[in-house]
C-alpha atoms as a PDB file:
ATOM      1  CA  MET A   1     122.224 141.846  94.004  1.00  0.00           C
ATOM      2  CA  GLU A   2     125.970 142.061  93.457  1.00  0.00           C
ATOM      3  CA  GLN A   3     127.281 140.877  90.124  1.00  0.00           C
ATOM      4  CA  GLY A   4     129.852 138.570  91.784  1.00  0.00           C
ATOM      5  CA  SER A   5     127.162 136.682  93.693  1.00  0.00           C
ATOM      6  CA  LEU A   6     125.279 135.495  90.614  1.00  0.00           C
ATOM      7  CA  ALA A   7     125.629 131.767  90.073  1.00  0.00           C
ATOM      8  CA  LEU A   8     125.018 130.450  86.595  1.00  0.00           C
ATOM      9  CA  SER A   9     123.331 127.107  86.334  1.00  0.00           C
ATOM     10  CA  VAL A  10     124.424 125.112  83.303  1.00  0.00           C
ATOM     11  CA  MET A  11     122.522 121.969  82.476  1.00  0.00           C
ATOM     12  CA  ASN A  12     124.141 119.163  80.552  1.00  0.00           C
ATOM     13  CA  THR A  13     122.082 116.141  79.635  1.00  0.00           C
ATOM     14  CA  PHE A  14     123.513 112.949  78.182  1.00  0.00           C
ATOM     15  CA  VAL A  15     121.779 109.941  76.659  1.00  0.00           C
ATOM     16  CA  VAL A  16     123.817 106.745  76.980  1.00  0.00           C
ATOM     17  CA  ARG A  17     122.994 103.544  75.113  1.00  0.00           C
ATOM     18  CA  LEU A  18     124.713 100.271  76.027  1.00  0.00           C
ATOM     19  CA  TRP A  19     124.590  96.895  74.320  1.00  0.00           C
ATOM     20  CA  THR A  20     126.560  93.672  74.091  1.00  0.00           C
ATOM     21  CA  GLU A  21     128.167  92.450  70.883  1.00  0.00           C
ATOM     22  CA  ARG A  22     128.633  88.690  70.918  1.00  0.00           C
ATOM     23  CA  SER A  23     130.718  86.387  68.799  1.00  0.00           C
ATOM     24  CA  ALA A  24     131.296  82.659  69.035  1.00  0.00           C
ATOM     25  CA  THR A  25     134.170  83.180  71.490  1.00  0.00           C
ATOM     26  CA  GLU A  26     133.480  86.424  73.382  1.00  0.00           C
ATOM     27  CA  SER A  27     131.117  89.257  74.169  1.00  0.00           C
ATOM     28  CA  ARG A  28     131.992  92.922  74.501  1.00  0.00           C
ATOM     29  CA  TRP A  29     130.118  95.955  75.739  1.00  0.00           C
ATOM     30  CA  ARG A  30     129.654  98.827  73.310  1.00  0.00           C
ATOM     31  CA  GLY A  31     128.030 102.178  73.765  1.00  0.00           C
ATOM     32  CA  ARG A  32     126.979 105.438  72.226  1.00  0.00           C
ATOM     33  CA  ILE A  33     126.627 108.736  74.070  1.00  0.00           C
ATOM     34  CA  GLU A  34     124.879 111.920  72.979  1.00  0.00           C
ATOM     35  CA  HIS A  35     125.104 115.397  74.507  1.00  0.00           C
ATOM     36  CA  VAL A  36     121.496 116.528  74.172  1.00  0.00           C
ATOM     37  CA  GLN A  37     122.096 120.283  74.102  1.00  0.00           C
ATOM     38  CA  SER A  38     124.675 120.188  71.267  1.00  0.00           C
ATOM     39  CA  ARG A  39     123.415 116.985  69.601  1.00  0.00           C
ATOM     40  CA  GLU A  40     127.026 115.776  69.363  1.00  0.00           C
ATOM     41  CA  SER A  41     127.513 112.041  69.813  1.00  0.00           C
ATOM     42  CA  ALA A  42     130.271 109.455  69.931  1.00  0.00           C
ATOM     43  CA  ALA A  43     130.721 105.707  70.119  1.00  0.00           C
ATOM     44  CA  PHE A  44     132.755 104.171  72.946  1.00  0.00           C
ATOM     45  CA  SER A  45     133.937 100.747  74.008  1.00  0.00           C
ATOM     46  CA  ASP A  46     134.914 101.461  77.623  1.00  0.00           C
ATOM     47  CA  VAL A  47     134.100 103.797  80.495  1.00  0.00           C
ATOM     48  CA  ASP A  48     137.146 105.980  79.770  1.00  0.00           C
ATOM     49  CA  GLY A  49     135.817 106.693  76.285  1.00  0.00           C
ATOM     50  CA  MET A  50     132.443 107.710  77.697  1.00  0.00           C
ATOM     51  CA  LEU A  51     134.015 109.940  80.357  1.00  0.00           C
ATOM     52  CA  SER A  52     136.336 111.513  77.810  1.00  0.00           C
ATOM     53  CA  PHE A  53     133.339 112.569  75.732  1.00  0.00           C
ATOM     54  CA  MET A  54     131.507 113.929  78.790  1.00  0.00           C
ATOM     55  CA  GLY A  55     134.641 115.801  79.860  1.00  0.00           C
ATOM     56  CA  ARG A  56     134.339 117.967  76.744  1.00  0.00           C
ATOM     57  CA  PHE A  57     131.166 119.475  78.216  1.00  0.00           C
ATOM     58  CA  VAL A  58     131.542 119.215  82.011  1.00  0.00           C
ATOM     59  CA  GLU A  59     134.363 119.137  84.520  1.00  0.00           C
ATOM     60  CA  ILE A  60     134.701 115.592  85.838  1.00  0.00           C
ATOM     61  CA  HIS A  61     136.315 114.956  89.238  1.00  0.00           C
ATOM     62  CA  GLN A  62     137.448 111.345  89.245  1.00  0.00           C
ATOM     63  CA  GLY A  63     138.335 109.889  92.619  1.00  0.00           C
ATOM     64  CA  LYS A  64     137.150 112.937  94.592  1.00  0.00           C
ATOM     65  CA  GLU A  65     134.050 113.245  96.705  1.00  0.00           C
ATOM     66  CA  MET A  66     131.755 116.032  95.642  1.00  0.00           C
END
């Protein structure tokens, strides 16, 4: 097999936790994400925050069909 034809498979697994924080006047979504392989984690309060964290480990193509 030629060296150039080898494809490396990299697995990235994320655990995402979502919950709602409620006050007398509003409720907001909160979340925490963990990259399982590195055990790094981060809190986020919107989808952009979650995707930003994931983007550190994988290439994310927003708005493009894969």
